[in-house]
Amino acid sequence: QVQLVESGGGLVQAGGSLRLSCAASGSISSINTMGWHRQAPGKQRELVAAITPGGSSNYADSVKGRFTISRDNAKNMVYLQMNSLKHEDTAVYYCNLHEFPVGGAPRRTWGQGTQVTVSS
């Protein structure tokens, strides 16, 4: 059973920075993507960024140029460096793992989330 644990959330002033970390435990299929989603009050959960083991990444338009996703395959960690934070970035951020095991069914795993609050 794969589990994800996020850390690094907190309070920050607008224009500040935070780095989120996500640690994955368990046996992870080699073919996978890891990423971050967020959900603000009254809004649907949305993709923030995702990355493959090979380093291919994509970002939501709203964070492009400000956020950077990275991963350490050896440590089964994924990170989200968030710079130039805005009030509208306030949300619960969830780590996500999407696996595509050979000969098995795809599986998605979510972390419990970490709160990011950006003040004015």
PDB file of N, CA and C in Angstrom:
ATOM      1  N   GLN A   1       0.844  -1.186   0.000  1.00  0.00           N
ATOM      2  CA  GLN A   1       0.000   0.000   0.000  1.00  0.00           C
ATOM      3  C   GLN A   1       0.882   1.239   0.000  1.00  0.00           C
ATOM      4  N   VAL A   2       0.702   2.084  -0.986  1.00  0.00           N
ATOM      5  CA  VAL A   2       1.459   3.317  -1.099  1.00  0.00           C
ATOM      6  C   VAL A   2       0.785   4.392  -0.257  1.00  0.00           C
ATOM      7  N   GLN A   3       1.597   5.149   0.465  1.00  0.00           N
ATOM      8  CA  GLN A   3       1.098   6.277   1.230  1.00  0.00           C
ATOM      9  C   GLN A   3       1.907   7.524   0.913  1.00  0.00           C
ATOM     10  N   LEU A   4       1.243   8.671   0.950  1.00  0.00           N
ATOM     11  CA  LEU A   4       1.871   9.955   0.688  1.00  0.00           C
ATOM     12  C   LEU A   4       1.677  10.860   1.891  1.00  0.00           C
ATOM     13  N   VAL A   5       2.739  11.543   2.283  1.00  0.00           N
ATOM     14  CA  VAL A   5       2.684  12.469   3.400  1.00  0.00           C
ATOM     15  C   VAL A   5       3.285  13.797   2.972  1.00  0.00           C
ATOM     16  N   GLU A   6       2.479  14.859   3.051  1.00  0.00           N
ATOM     17  CA  GLU A   6       2.932  16.191   2.681  1.00  0.00           C
ATOM     18  C   GLU A   6       3.453  16.950   3.892  1.00  0.00           C
ATOM     19  N   SER A   7       4.316  17.898   3.626  1.00  0.00           N
ATOM     20  CA  SER A   7       4.804  18.799   4.654  1.00  0.00           C
ATOM     21  C   SER A   7       5.233  20.104   4.004  1.00  0.00           C
ATOM     22  N   GLY A   8       5.406  21.126   4.820  1.00  0.00           N
ATOM     23  CA  GLY A   8       5.928  22.387   4.337  1.00  0.00           C
ATOM     24  C   GLY A   8       4.915  23.505   4.203  1.00  0.00           C
ATOM     25  N   GLY A   9       3.656  23.207   4.400  1.00  0.00           N
ATOM     26  CA  GLY A   9       2.654  24.248   4.326  1.00  0.00           C
ATOM     27  C   GLY A   9       2.738  25.185   5.511  1.00  0.00           C
ATOM     28  N   GLY A  10       2.052  26.296   5.406  1.00  0.00           N
ATOM     29  CA  GLY A  10       2.056  27.261   6.485  1.00  0.00           C
ATOM     30  C   GLY A  10       1.538  28.606   6.044  1.00  0.00           C
ATOM     31  N   LEU A  11       1.859  29.602   6.845  1.00  0.00           N
ATOM     32  CA  LEU A  11       1.450  30.979   6.582  1.00  0.00           C
ATOM     33  C   LEU A  11       2.600  31.750   5.966  1.00  0.00           C
ATOM     34  N   VAL A  12       2.284  32.565   4.993  1.00  0.00           N
ATOM     35  CA  VAL A  12       3.305  33.371   4.342  1.00  0.00           C
ATOM     36  C   VAL A  12       2.672  34.645   3.800  1.00  0.00           C
ATOM     37  N   GLN A  13       3.454  35.709   3.789  1.00  0.00           N
ATOM     38  CA  GLN A  13       2.996  36.961   3.206  1.00  0.00           C
ATOM     39  C   GLN A  13       2.994  36.878   1.692  1.00  0.00           C
ATOM     40  N   ALA A  14       2.109  37.632   1.078  1.00  0.00           N
ATOM     41  CA  ALA A  14       2.117  37.728  -0.370  1.00  0.00           C
ATOM     42  C   ALA A  14       3.497  38.153  -0.856  1.00  0.00           C
ATOM     43  N   GLY A  15       3.959  37.482  -1.895  1.00  0.00           N
ATOM     44  CA  GLY A  15       5.293  37.722  -2.407  1.00  0.00           C
ATOM     45  C   GLY A  15       6.346  36.812  -1.826  1.00  0.00           C
ATOM     46  N   GLY A  16       5.988  36.078  -0.794  1.00  0.00           N
ATOM     47  CA  GLY A  16       6.920  35.176  -0.149  1.00  0.00           C
ATOM     48  C   GLY A  16       6.989  33.830  -0.832  1.00  0.00           C
ATOM     49  N   SER A  17       7.715  32.912  -0.189  1.00  0.00           N
ATOM     50  CA  SER A  17       7.959  31.598  -0.766  1.00  0.00           C
ATOM     51  C   SER A  17       7.724  30.496   0.250  1.00  0.00           C
ATOM     52  N   LEU A  18       7.358  29.342  -0.240  1.00  0.00           N
ATOM     53  CA  LEU A  18       7.262  28.122   0.534  1.00  0.00           C
ATOM     54  C   LEU A  18       7.708  26.968  -0.335  1.00  0.00           C
ATOM     55  N   ARG A  19       8.196  25.923   0.309  1.00  0.00           N
ATOM     56  CA  ARG A  19       8.503  24.694  -0.407  1.00  0.00           C
ATOM     57  C   ARG A  19       7.752  23.544   0.231  1.00  0.00           C
ATOM     58  N   LEU A  20       6.926  22.903  -0.554  1.00  0.00           N
ATOM     59  CA  LEU A  20       6.194  21.738  -0.108  1.00  0.00           C
ATOM     60  C   LEU A  20       6.968  20.477  -0.447  1.00  0.00           C
ATOM     61  N   SER A  21       6.874  19.503   0.435  1.00  0.00           N
ATOM     62  CA  SER A  21       7.513  18.216   0.214  1.00  0.00           C
ATOM     63  C   SER A  21       6.479  17.118   0.350  1.00  0.00           C
ATOM     64  N   CYS A  22       6.676  16.057  -0.387  1.00  0.00           N
ATOM     65  CA  CYS A  22       5.810  14.895  -0.316  1.00  0.00           C
ATOM     66  C   CYS A  22       6.673  13.653  -0.327  1.00  0.00           C
ATOM     67  N   ALA A  23       6.503  12.834   0.688  1.00  0.00           N
ATOM     68  CA  ALA A  23       7.239  11.589   0.802  1.00  0.00           C
ATOM     69  C   ALA A  23       6.316  10.423   0.502  1.00  0.00           C
ATOM     70  N   ALA A  24       6.715   9.601  -0.427  1.00  0.00           N
ATOM     71  CA  ALA A  24       5.954   8.416  -0.790  1.00  0.00           C
ATOM     72  C   ALA A  24       6.600   7.183  -0.183  1.00  0.00           C
ATOM     73  N   SER A  25       5.788   6.338   0.386  1.00  0.00           N
ATOM     74  CA  SER A  25       6.277   5.087   0.942  1.00  0.00           C
ATOM     75  C   SER A  25       5.527   3.924   0.317  1.00  0.00           C
ATOM     76  N   GLY A  26       6.165   2.781   0.315  1.00  0.00           N
ATOM     77  CA  GLY A  26       5.590   1.612  -0.310  1.00  0.00           C
ATOM     78  C   GLY A  26       6.210   1.343  -1.665  1.00  0.00           C
ATOM     79  N   SER A  27       5.707   0.344  -2.331  1.00  0.00           N
ATOM     80  CA  SER A  27       6.213  -0.044  -3.637  1.00  0.00           C
ATOM     81  C   SER A  27       5.501   0.757  -4.718  1.00  0.00           C
ATOM     82  N   ILE A  28       6.273   1.553  -5.447  1.00  0.00           N
ATOM     83  CA  ILE A  28       5.732   2.439  -6.471  1.00  0.00           C
ATOM     84  C   ILE A  28       6.085   1.906  -7.849  1.00  0.00           C
ATOM     85  N   SER A  29       5.104   1.834  -8.711  1.00  0.00           N
ATOM     86  CA  SER A  29       5.340   1.399 -10.078  1.00  0.00           C
ATOM     87  C   SER A  29       6.277   2.368 -10.781  1.00  0.00           C
ATOM     88  N   SER A  30       7.147   1.829 -11.622  1.00  0.00           N
ATOM     89  CA  SER A  30       8.129   2.654 -12.318  1.00  0.00           C
ATOM     90  C   SER A  30       7.470   3.669 -13.242  1.00  0.00           C
ATOM     91  N   ILE A  31       6.384   3.269 -13.860  1.00  0.00           N
ATOM     92  CA  ILE A  31       5.655   4.158 -14.748  1.00  0.00           C
ATOM     93  C   ILE A  31       4.615   4.909 -13.925  1.00  0.00           C
ATOM     94  N   ASN A  32       4.859   6.179 -13.725  1.00  0.00           N
ATOM     95  CA  ASN A  32       3.980   6.949 -12.863  1.00  0.00           C
ATOM     96  C   ASN A  32       4.176   8.438 -13.089  1.00  0.00           C
ATOM     97  N   THR A  33       3.274   9.210 -12.539  1.00  0.00           N
ATOM     98  CA  THR A  33       3.467  10.638 -12.403  1.00  0.00           C
ATOM     99  C   THR A  33       3.187  11.021 -10.956  1.00  0.00           C
ATOM    100  N   MET A  34       3.893  12.016 -10.476  1.00  0.00           N
ATOM    101  CA  MET A  34       3.632  12.586  -9.170  1.00  0.00           C
ATOM    102  C   MET A  34       3.349  14.067  -9.354  1.00  0.00           C
ATOM    103  N   GLY A  35       2.505  14.579  -8.516  1.00  0.00           N
ATOM    104  CA  GLY A  35       2.182  15.977  -8.680  1.00  0.00           C
ATOM    105  C   GLY A  35       1.468  16.561  -7.492  1.00  0.00           C
ATOM    106  N   TRP A  36       1.044  17.784  -7.694  1.00  0.00           N
ATOM    107  CA  TRP A  36       0.352  18.541  -6.672  1.00  0.00           C
ATOM    108  C   TRP A  36      -0.951  19.081  -7.219  1.00  0.00           C
ATOM    109  N   HIS A  37      -1.991  18.928  -6.451  1.00  0.00           N
ATOM    110  CA  HIS A  37      -3.271  19.563  -6.699  1.00  0.00           C
ATOM    111  C   HIS A  37      -3.593  20.466  -5.513  1.00  0.00           C
ATOM    112  N   ARG A  38      -4.527  21.360  -5.708  1.00  0.00           N
ATOM    113  CA  ARG A  38      -4.948  22.212  -4.614  1.00  0.00           C
ATOM    114  C   ARG A  38      -6.445  22.434  -4.673  1.00  0.00           C
ATOM    115  N   GLN A  39      -6.999  22.730  -3.520  1.00  0.00           N
ATOM    116  CA  GLN A  39      -8.417  23.017  -3.430  1.00  0.00           C
ATOM    117  C   GLN A  39      -8.631  24.181  -2.480  1.00  0.00           C
ATOM    118  N   ALA A  40      -9.165  25.252  -3.021  1.00  0.00           N
ATOM    119  CA  ALA A  40      -9.505  26.420  -2.235  1.00  0.00           C
ATOM    120  C   ALA A  40     -10.967  26.339  -1.818  1.00  0.00           C
ATOM    121  N   PRO A  41     -11.345  27.035  -0.750  1.00  0.00           N
ATOM    122  CA  PRO A  41     -12.742  27.016  -0.315  1.00  0.00           C
ATOM    123  C   PRO A  41     -13.687  27.427  -1.429  1.00  0.00           C
ATOM    124  N   GLY A  42     -14.716  26.632  -1.643  1.00  0.00           N
ATOM    125  CA  GLY A  42     -15.704  26.935  -2.658  1.00  0.00           C
ATOM    126  C   GLY A  42     -15.289  26.623  -4.076  1.00  0.00           C
ATOM    127  N   LYS A  43     -14.130  26.028  -4.256  1.00  0.00           N
ATOM    128  CA  LYS A  43     -13.641  25.713  -5.588  1.00  0.00           C
ATOM    129  C   LYS A  43     -13.349  24.228  -5.723  1.00  0.00           C
ATOM    130  N   GLN A  44     -13.293  23.772  -6.956  1.00  0.00           N
ATOM    131  CA  GLN A  44     -12.949  22.394  -7.232  1.00  0.00           C
ATOM    132  C   GLN A  44     -11.442  22.174  -7.097  1.00  0.00           C
ATOM    133  N   ARG A  45     -11.086  20.941  -6.814  1.00  0.00           N
ATOM    134  CA  ARG A  45      -9.678  20.603  -6.781  1.00  0.00           C
ATOM    135  C   ARG A  45      -9.089  20.725  -8.182  1.00  0.00           C
ATOM    136  N   GLU A  46      -7.925  21.346  -8.282  1.00  0.00           N
ATOM    137  CA  GLU A  46      -7.314  21.584  -9.572  1.00  0.00           C
ATOM    138  C   GLU A  46      -5.854  21.171  -9.575  1.00  0.00           C
ATOM    139  N   LEU A  47      -5.392  20.803 -10.748  1.00  0.00           N
ATOM    140  CA  LEU A  47      -3.988  20.468 -10.920  1.00  0.00           C
ATOM    141  C   LEU A  47      -3.136  21.716 -10.777  1.00  0.00           C
ATOM    142  N   VAL A  48      -2.058  21.591 -10.021  1.00  0.00           N
ATOM    143  CA  VAL A  48      -1.066  22.645  -9.908  1.00  0.00           C
ATOM    144  C   VAL A  48       0.139  22.322 -10.778  1.00  0.00           C
ATOM    145  N   ALA A  49       0.700  21.139 -10.580  1.00  0.00           N
ATOM    146  CA  ALA A  49       1.867  20.716 -11.333  1.00  0.00           C
ATOM    147  C   ALA A  49       2.007  19.215 -11.232  1.00  0.00           C
ATOM    148  N   ALA A  50       2.640  18.615 -12.227  1.00  0.00           N
ATOM    149  CA  ALA A  50       2.899  17.186 -12.230  1.00  0.00           C
ATOM    150  C   ALA A  50       4.229  16.917 -12.903  1.00  0.00           C
ATOM    151  N   ILE A  51       4.826  15.788 -12.556  1.00  0.00           N
ATOM    152  CA  ILE A  51       6.148  15.468 -13.079  1.00  0.00           C
ATOM    153  C   ILE A  51       6.312  13.961 -13.197  1.00  0.00           C
ATOM    154  N   THR A  52       7.003  13.533 -14.246  1.00  0.00           N
ATOM    155  CA  THR A  52       7.304  12.127 -14.474  1.00  0.00           C
ATOM    156  C   THR A  52       8.661  11.784 -13.879  1.00  0.00           C
ATOM    157  N   PRO A  53       8.981  10.483 -13.747  1.00  0.00           N
ATOM    158  CA  PRO A  53      10.322  10.115 -13.275  1.00  0.00           C
ATOM    159  C   PRO A  53      11.435  10.683 -14.143  1.00  0.00           C
ATOM    160  N   GLY A  54      11.174  10.864 -15.428  1.00  0.00           N
ATOM    161  CA  GLY A  54      12.166  11.421 -16.329  1.00  0.00           C
ATOM    162  C   GLY A  54      12.303  12.922 -16.275  1.00  0.00           C
ATOM    163  N   GLY A  55      11.442  13.580 -15.518  1.00  0.00           N
ATOM    164  CA  GLY A  55      11.551  15.015 -15.339  1.00  0.00           C
ATOM    165  C   GLY A  55      10.633  15.856 -16.200  1.00  0.00           C
ATOM    166  N   SER A  56       9.807  15.234 -17.012  1.00  0.00           N
ATOM    167  CA  SER A  56       8.840  16.000 -17.786  1.00  0.00           C
ATOM    168  C   SER A  56       7.774  16.553 -16.852  1.00  0.00           C
ATOM    169  N   SER A  57       7.460  17.815 -16.998  1.00  0.00           N
ATOM    170  CA  SER A  57       6.540  18.460 -16.071  1.00  0.00           C
ATOM    171  C   SER A  57       5.537  19.329 -16.797  1.00  0.00           C
ATOM    172  N   ASN A  58       4.448  19.607 -16.113  1.00  0.00           N
ATOM    173  CA  ASN A  58       3.473  20.548 -16.614  1.00  0.00           C
ATOM    174  C   ASN A  58       2.881  21.309 -15.439  1.00  0.00           C
ATOM    175  N   TYR A  59       2.389  22.513 -15.737  1.00  0.00           N
ATOM    176  CA  TYR A  59       1.902  23.408 -14.704  1.00  0.00           C
ATOM    177  C   TYR A  59       0.576  24.020 -15.100  1.00  0.00           C
ATOM    178  N   ALA A  60      -0.199  24.354 -14.090  1.00  0.00           N
ATOM    179  CA  ALA A  60      -1.364  25.177 -14.336  1.00  0.00           C
ATOM    180  C   ALA A  60      -0.919  26.558 -14.781  1.00  0.00           C
ATOM    181  N   ASP A  61      -1.693  27.165 -15.664  1.00  0.00           N
ATOM    182  CA  ASP A  61      -1.329  28.485 -16.163  1.00  0.00           C
ATOM    183  C   ASP A  61      -1.184  29.504 -15.035  1.00  0.00           C
ATOM    184  N   SER A  62      -1.965  29.348 -13.997  1.00  0.00           N
ATOM    185  CA  SER A  62      -1.970  30.315 -12.912  1.00  0.00           C
ATOM    186  C   SER A  62      -0.687  30.311 -12.085  1.00  0.00           C
ATOM    187  N   VAL A  63       0.090  29.231 -12.163  1.00  0.00           N
ATOM    188  CA  VAL A  63       1.311  29.138 -11.366  1.00  0.00           C
ATOM    189  C   VAL A  63       2.570  29.091 -12.213  1.00  0.00           C
ATOM    190  N   LYS A  64       2.415  28.998 -13.503  1.00  0.00           N
ATOM    191  CA  LYS A  64       3.556  28.885 -14.395  1.00  0.00           C
ATOM    192  C   LYS A  64       4.472  30.099 -14.251  1.00  0.00           C
ATOM    193  N   GLY A  65       5.748  29.832 -14.089  1.00  0.00           N
ATOM    194  CA  GLY A  65       6.721  30.891 -13.888  1.00  0.00           C
ATOM    195  C   GLY A  65       6.966  31.233 -12.441  1.00  0.00           C
ATOM    196  N   ARG A  66       6.081  30.794 -11.560  1.00  0.00           N
ATOM    197  CA  ARG A  66       6.231  31.058 -10.132  1.00  0.00           C
ATOM    198  C   ARG A  66       6.538  29.799  -9.332  1.00  0.00           C
ATOM    199  N   PHE A  67       5.950  28.682  -9.740  1.00  0.00           N
ATOM    200  CA  PHE A  67       6.130  27.417  -9.038  1.00  0.00           C
ATOM    201  C   PHE A  67       7.039  26.502  -9.849  1.00  0.00           C
ATOM    202  N   THR A  68       7.787  25.673  -9.140  1.00  0.00           N
ATOM    203  CA  THR A  68       8.638  24.687  -9.780  1.00  0.00           C
ATOM    204  C   THR A  68       8.463  23.343  -9.093  1.00  0.00           C
ATOM    205  N   ILE A  69       8.145  22.331  -9.867  1.00  0.00           N
ATOM    206  CA  ILE A  69       8.022  20.989  -9.328  1.00  0.00           C
ATOM    207  C   ILE A  69       9.296  20.208  -9.622  1.00  0.00           C
ATOM    208  N   SER A  70       9.690  19.373  -8.679  1.00  0.00           N
ATOM    209  CA  SER A  70      10.853  18.526  -8.861  1.00  0.00           C
ATOM    210  C   SER A  70      10.633  17.234  -8.099  1.00  0.00           C
ATOM    211  N   ARG A  71      11.453  16.237  -8.400  1.00  0.00           N
ATOM    212  CA  ARG A  71      11.334  14.976  -7.675  1.00  0.00           C
ATOM    213  C   ARG A  71      12.685  14.313  -7.544  1.00  0.00           C
ATOM    214  N   ASP A  72      12.799  13.507  -6.524  1.00  0.00           N
ATOM    215  CA  ASP A  72      13.978  12.716  -6.262  1.00  0.00           C
ATOM    216  C   ASP A  72      13.527  11.266  -6.296  1.00  0.00           C
ATOM    217  N   ASN A  73      13.816  10.599  -7.381  1.00  0.00           N
ATOM    218  CA  ASN A  73      13.333   9.234  -7.559  1.00  0.00           C
ATOM    219  C   ASN A  73      13.941   8.267  -6.539  1.00  0.00           C
ATOM    220  N   ALA A  74      15.196   8.488  -6.188  1.00  0.00           N
ATOM    221  CA  ALA A  74      15.857   7.612  -5.230  1.00  0.00           C
ATOM    222  C   ALA A  74      15.203   7.689  -3.859  1.00  0.00           C
ATOM    223  N   LYS A  75      14.713   8.873  -3.508  1.00  0.00           N
ATOM    224  CA  LYS A  75      14.091   9.072  -2.203  1.00  0.00           C
ATOM    225  C   LYS A  75      12.571   8.976  -2.245  1.00  0.00           C
ATOM    226  N   ASN A  76      12.022   8.808  -3.428  1.00  0.00           N
ATOM    227  CA  ASN A  76      10.567   8.811  -3.602  1.00  0.00           C
ATOM    228  C   ASN A  76       9.940  10.071  -3.018  1.00  0.00           C
ATOM    229  N   MET A  77      10.534  11.194  -3.380  1.00  0.00           N
ATOM    230  CA  MET A  77      10.068  12.488  -2.905  1.00  0.00           C
ATOM    231  C   MET A  77       9.700  13.375  -4.091  1.00  0.00           C
ATOM    232  N   VAL A  78       8.715  14.199  -3.887  1.00  0.00           N
ATOM    233  CA  VAL A  78       8.371  15.228  -4.853  1.00  0.00           C
ATOM    234  C   VAL A  78       8.231  16.542  -4.101  1.00  0.00           C
ATOM    235  N   TYR A  79       8.636  17.628  -4.756  1.00  0.00           N
ATOM    236  CA  TYR A  79       8.671  18.929  -4.118  1.00  0.00           C
ATOM    237  C   TYR A  79       7.938  19.952  -4.974  1.00  0.00           C
ATOM    238  N   LEU A  80       7.477  20.975  -4.323  1.00  0.00           N
ATOM    239  CA  LEU A  80       6.888  22.104  -5.025  1.00  0.00           C
ATOM    240  C   LEU A  80       7.447  23.377  -4.420  1.00  0.00           C
ATOM    241  N   GLN A  81       8.313  24.034  -5.162  1.00  0.00           N
ATOM    242  CA  GLN A  81       8.847  25.322  -4.752  1.00  0.00           C
ATOM    243  C   GLN A  81       7.893  26.400  -5.225  1.00  0.00           C
ATOM    244  N   MET A  82       7.368  27.171  -4.302  1.00  0.00           N
ATOM    245  CA  MET A  82       6.383  28.192  -4.609  1.00  0.00           C
ATOM    246  C   MET A  82       6.965  29.557  -4.292  1.00  0.00           C
ATOM    247  N   ASN A  83       7.145  30.356  -5.317  1.00  0.00           N
ATOM    248  CA  ASN A  83       7.672  31.705  -5.177  1.00  0.00           C
ATOM    249  C   ASN A  83       6.617  32.720  -5.587  1.00  0.00           C
ATOM    250  N   SER A  84       6.845  33.950  -5.180  1.00  0.00           N
ATOM    251  CA  SER A  84       5.932  35.047  -5.522  1.00  0.00           C
ATOM    252  C   SER A  84       4.489  34.676  -5.231  1.00  0.00           C
ATOM    253  N   LEU A  85       4.263  34.173  -4.042  1.00  0.00           N
ATOM    254  CA  LEU A  85       2.937  33.687  -3.682  1.00  0.00           C
ATOM    255  C   LEU A  85       1.913  34.817  -3.654  1.00  0.00           C
ATOM    256  N   LYS A  86       0.715  34.478  -4.077  1.00  0.00           N
ATOM    257  CA  LYS A  86      -0.405  35.405  -4.106  1.00  0.00           C
ATOM    258  C   LYS A  86      -1.496  34.915  -3.175  1.00  0.00           C
ATOM    259  N   HIS A  87      -2.370  35.833  -2.798  1.00  0.00           N
ATOM    260  CA  HIS A  87      -3.476  35.464  -1.927  1.00  0.00           C
ATOM    261  C   HIS A  87      -4.315  34.342  -2.540  1.00  0.00           C
ATOM    262  N   GLU A  88      -4.489  34.387  -3.852  1.00  0.00           N
ATOM    263  CA  GLU A  88      -5.290  33.377  -4.522  1.00  0.00           C
ATOM    264  C   GLU A  88      -4.648  31.996  -4.560  1.00  0.00           C
ATOM    265  N   ASP A  89      -3.400  31.893  -4.113  1.00  0.00           N
ATOM    266  CA  ASP A  89      -2.766  30.587  -3.976  1.00  0.00           C
ATOM    267  C   ASP A  89      -3.189  29.877  -2.698  1.00  0.00           C
ATOM    268  N   THR A  90      -3.902  30.570  -1.838  1.00  0.00           N
ATOM    269  CA  THR A  90      -4.361  29.979  -0.592  1.00  0.00           C
ATOM    270  C   THR A  90      -5.256  28.778  -0.879  1.00  0.00           C
ATOM    271  N   ALA A  91      -4.891  27.636  -0.334  1.00  0.00           N
ATOM    272  CA  ALA A  91      -5.624  26.399  -0.587  1.00  0.00           C
ATOM    273  C   ALA A  91      -5.001  25.279   0.228  1.00  0.00           C
ATOM    274  N   VAL A  92      -5.681  24.158   0.253  1.00  0.00           N
ATOM    275  CA  VAL A  92      -5.075  22.935   0.737  1.00  0.00           C
ATOM    276  C   VAL A  92      -4.402  22.270  -0.446  1.00  0.00           C
ATOM    277  N   TYR A  93      -3.137  21.964  -0.289  1.00  0.00           N
ATOM    278  CA  TYR A  93      -2.357  21.363  -1.363  1.00  0.00           C
ATOM    279  C   TYR A  93      -2.206  19.871  -1.102  1.00  0.00           C
ATOM    280  N   TYR A  94      -2.518  19.083  -2.115  1.00  0.00           N
ATOM    281  CA  TYR A  94      -2.501  17.637  -2.005  1.00  0.00           C
ATOM    282  C   TYR A  94      -1.445  17.041  -2.925  1.00  0.00           C
ATOM    283  N   CYS A  95      -0.648  16.177  -2.379  1.00  0.00           N
ATOM    284  CA  CYS A  95       0.265  15.389  -3.188  1.00  0.00           C
ATOM    285  C   CYS A  95      -0.511  14.251  -3.848  1.00  0.00           C
ATOM    286  N   ASN A  96      -0.156  13.944  -5.073  1.00  0.00           N
ATOM    287  CA  ASN A  96      -0.848  12.908  -5.816  1.00  0.00           C
ATOM    288  C   ASN A  96       0.144  12.012  -6.534  1.00  0.00           C
ATOM    289  N   LEU A  97      -0.120  10.729  -6.492  1.00  0.00           N
ATOM    290  CA  LEU A  97       0.655   9.742  -7.231  1.00  0.00           C
ATOM    291  C   LEU A  97      -0.285   8.969  -8.136  1.00  0.00           C
ATOM    292  N   HIS A  98       0.025   8.948  -9.414  1.00  0.00           N
ATOM    293  CA  HIS A  98      -0.758   8.198 -10.382  1.00  0.00           C
ATOM    294  C   HIS A  98       0.153   7.128 -10.964  1.00  0.00           C
ATOM    295  N   GLU A  99      -0.170   5.876 -10.686  1.00  0.00           N
ATOM    296  CA  GLU A  99       0.650   4.755 -11.111  1.00  0.00           C
ATOM    297  C   GLU A  99       0.011   4.008 -12.272  1.00  0.00           C
ATOM    298  N   PHE A 100       0.870   3.480 -13.139  1.00  0.00           N
ATOM    299  CA  PHE A 100       0.438   2.677 -14.276  1.00  0.00           C
ATOM    300  C   PHE A 100       1.236   1.379 -14.272  1.00  0.00           C
ATOM    301  N   PRO A 101       0.912   0.476 -13.368  1.00  0.00           N
ATOM    302  CA  PRO A 101       1.685  -0.759 -13.245  1.00  0.00           C
ATOM    303  C   PRO A 101       1.522  -1.653 -14.469  1.00  0.00           C
ATOM    304  N   VAL A 102       2.623  -2.272 -14.875  1.00  0.00           N
ATOM    305  CA  VAL A 102       2.583  -3.202 -15.991  1.00  0.00           C
ATOM    306  C   VAL A 102       1.795  -4.438 -15.573  1.00  0.00           C
ATOM    307  N   GLY A 103       0.768  -4.748 -16.319  1.00  0.00           N
ATOM    308  CA  GLY A 103      -0.051  -5.905 -16.025  1.00  0.00           C
ATOM    309  C   GLY A 103      -1.045  -5.709 -14.903  1.00  0.00           C
ATOM    310  N   GLY A 104      -1.210  -4.472 -14.450  1.00  0.00           N
ATOM    311  CA  GLY A 104      -2.139  -4.175 -13.380  1.00  0.00           C
ATOM    312  C   GLY A 104      -2.992  -2.963 -13.687  1.00  0.00           C
ATOM    313  N   ALA A 105      -3.934  -2.711 -12.816  1.00  0.00           N
ATOM    314  CA  ALA A 105      -4.837  -1.585 -12.990  1.00  0.00           C
ATOM    315  C   ALA A 105      -4.186  -0.289 -12.518  1.00  0.00           C
ATOM    316  N   PRO A 106      -4.447   0.816 -13.211  1.00  0.00           N
ATOM    317  CA  PRO A 106      -3.944   2.103 -12.736  1.00  0.00           C
ATOM    318  C   PRO A 106      -4.468   2.420 -11.343  1.00  0.00           C
ATOM    319  N   ARG A 107      -3.682   3.170 -10.592  1.00  0.00           N
ATOM    320  CA  ARG A 107      -4.057   3.505  -9.230  1.00  0.00           C
ATOM    321  C   ARG A 107      -3.639   4.930  -8.902  1.00  0.00           C
ATOM    322  N   ARG A 108      -4.512   5.642  -8.233  1.00  0.00           N
ATOM    323  CA  ARG A 108      -4.214   6.993  -7.771  1.00  0.00           C
ATOM    324  C   ARG A 108      -4.225   7.026  -6.255  1.00  0.00           C
ATOM    325  N   THR A 109      -3.235   7.679  -5.699  1.00  0.00           N
ATOM    326  CA  THR A 109      -3.108   7.826  -4.262  1.00  0.00           C
ATOM    327  C   THR A 109      -2.980   9.299  -3.924  1.00  0.00           C
ATOM    328  N   TRP A 110      -3.672   9.720  -2.889  1.00  0.00           N
ATOM    329  CA  TRP A 110      -3.661  11.110  -2.447  1.00  0.00           C
ATOM    330  C   TRP A 110      -3.108  11.229  -1.040  1.00  0.00           C
ATOM    331  N   GLY A 111      -2.359  12.281  -0.815  1.00  0.00           N
ATOM    332  CA  GLY A 111      -1.988  12.628   0.536  1.00  0.00           C
ATOM    333  C   GLY A 111      -3.149  13.299   1.244  1.00  0.00           C
ATOM    334  N   GLN A 112      -2.985  13.551   2.524  1.00  0.00           N
ATOM    335  CA  GLN A 112      -4.053  14.165   3.302  1.00  0.00           C
ATOM    336  C   GLN A 112      -4.119  15.678   3.135  1.00  0.00           C
ATOM    337  N   GLY A 113      -3.100  16.261   2.562  1.00  0.00           N
ATOM    338  CA  GLY A 113      -3.109  17.677   2.276  1.00  0.00           C
ATOM    339  C   GLY A 113      -2.359  18.498   3.296  1.00  0.00           C
ATOM    340  N   THR A 114      -1.859  19.632   2.851  1.00  0.00           N
ATOM    341  CA  THR A 114      -1.211  20.590   3.725  1.00  0.00           C
ATOM    342  C   THR A 114      -1.720  21.985   3.380  1.00  0.00           C
ATOM    343  N   GLN A 115      -2.043  22.747   4.404  1.00  0.00           N
ATOM    344  CA  GLN A 115      -2.641  24.057   4.208  1.00  0.00           C
ATOM    345  C   GLN A 115      -1.583  25.096   3.869  1.00  0.00           C
ATOM    346  N   VAL A 116      -1.845  25.850   2.824  1.00  0.00           N
ATOM    347  CA  VAL A 116      -1.031  27.007   2.464  1.00  0.00           C
ATOM    348  C   VAL A 116      -1.920  28.235   2.535  1.00  0.00           C
ATOM    349  N   THR A 117      -1.534  29.186   3.357  1.00  0.00           N
ATOM    350  CA  THR A 117      -2.291  30.413   3.504  1.00  0.00           C
ATOM    351  C   THR A 117      -1.390  31.598   3.194  1.00  0.00           C
ATOM    352  N   VAL A 118      -1.807  32.395   2.233  1.00  0.00           N
ATOM    353  CA  VAL A 118      -1.047  33.565   1.817  1.00  0.00           C
ATOM    354  C   VAL A 118      -1.825  34.802   2.238  1.00  0.00           C
ATOM    355  N   SER A 119      -1.227  35.603   3.075  1.00  0.00           N
ATOM    356  CA  SER A 119      -1.873  36.805   3.573  1.00  0.00           C
ATOM    357  C   SER A 119      -1.496  38.004   2.725  1.00  0.00           C
ATOM    358  N   SER A 120      -2.296  39.054   2.863  1.00  0.00           N
ATOM    359  CA  SER A 120      -2.020  40.285   2.138  1.00  0.00           C
ATOM    360  C   SER A 120      -0.920  41.089   2.806  1.00  0.00           C
TER     361      SER A 120
END
